[in-house]
Amino acid sequence: MKNLTMMLSVVVMLVSINAYAGAEFEKYDVDGNGVISESEAQNDSALAEQFKTLDANGDGELSKEEFSSFSG
């Protein structure tokens, strides 16, 4: 029972983190196209500074997965 409680706590924590990250992503994705462009990233100096590092595939846009590594 203790292990089940611990596992459920971890799942709830991860869901909360993903919901927060999703809300933050939407804040930067100004045009709502599902990615953050380099020009959209310029609205936040920390994101602009980390943009090229976060853009793992080098396509000039941040997906939600790439954005999840942002530490702003």
Protein backbone atom coordinates (compact mmCIF):
# COMPACT_ATOMS: atom_id res chain seq x y z
CA MET A 1 0.00 0.00 0.00
CA LYS A 2 2.88 2.36 0.82
CA ASN A 3 4.40 1.78 -2.63
CA LEU A 4 1.07 2.46 -4.32
CA THR A 5 0.71 5.74 -2.45
CA MET A 6 4.24 6.74 -3.44
CA MET A 7 3.60 5.88 -7.10
CA LEU A 8 0.35 7.83 -7.16
CA SER A 9 2.10 10.83 -5.61
CA VAL A 10 4.76 10.77 -8.31
CA VAL A 11 2.13 10.50 -11.07
CA VAL A 12 0.17 13.45 -9.67
CA MET A 13 3.37 15.50 -9.43
CA LEU A 14 4.31 14.73 -13.05
CA VAL A 15 0.84 15.60 -14.31
CA SER A 16 1.01 18.91 -12.45
CA ILE A 17 4.42 19.72 -13.91
CA ASN A 18 3.19 18.92 -17.44
CA ALA A 19 0.11 21.09 -16.99
CA TYR A 20 2.26 24.00 -15.82
CA ALA A 21 4.73 23.51 -18.67
CA GLY A 22 1.84 23.44 -21.14
CA ALA A 23 0.46 26.72 -19.80
CA GLU A 24 3.91 28.30 -20.00
CA PHE A 25 4.35 27.01 -23.56
CA GLU A 26 1.05 28.59 -24.61
CA LYS A 27 2.21 31.92 -23.18
CA TYR A 28 5.20 31.96 -25.57
CA ASP A 29 3.43 30.43 -28.58
CA VAL A 30 1.82 33.76 -29.47
CA ASP A 31 0.42 32.73 -32.86
CA GLY A 32 -0.89 29.41 -31.52
CA ASN A 33 0.70 27.24 -34.20
CA GLY A 34 2.03 24.66 -31.72
CA VAL A 35 5.68 25.73 -31.79
CA ILE A 36 7.70 28.65 -30.45
CA SER A 37 9.62 30.48 -33.15
CA GLU A 38 12.86 32.30 -32.50
CA SER A 39 11.05 35.63 -32.89
CA GLU A 40 8.41 34.58 -30.32
CA ALA A 41 11.21 33.57 -27.95
CA GLN A 42 12.58 37.13 -28.07
CA ASN A 43 9.74 38.17 -25.73
CA ASP A 44 11.66 36.54 -22.86
CA SER A 45 15.39 37.18 -22.50
CA ALA A 46 16.07 33.85 -20.73
CA LEU A 47 14.25 31.88 -23.42
CA ALA A 48 15.96 33.83 -26.21
CA GLU A 49 19.33 33.13 -24.61
CA GLN A 50 18.66 29.37 -24.38
CA PHE A 51 16.81 29.04 -27.70
CA LYS A 52 19.56 27.51 -29.84
CA THR A 53 20.46 25.02 -27.10
CA LEU A 54 16.81 24.02 -26.59
CA ASP A 55 16.22 23.63 -30.35
CA ALA A 56 17.56 20.06 -30.36
CA ASN A 57 16.70 19.31 -34.00
CA GLY A 58 17.87 22.71 -35.29
CA ASP A 59 14.66 23.53 -37.15
CA GLY A 60 14.40 27.07 -35.75
CA GLU A 61 11.34 26.25 -33.65
CA LEU A 62 10.74 24.82 -30.18
CA SER A 63 8.28 21.98 -29.81
CA LYS A 64 6.61 21.34 -26.46
CA GLU A 65 9.13 18.58 -25.84
CA GLU A 66 12.08 20.86 -26.55
CA PHE A 67 10.54 23.65 -24.46
CA SER A 68 10.17 21.29 -21.49
CA SER A 69 13.94 21.65 -20.91
CA PHE A 70 13.67 25.44 -20.56
CA SER A 71 14.81 26.73 -17.21
CA GLY A 72 13.56 30.26 -17.00
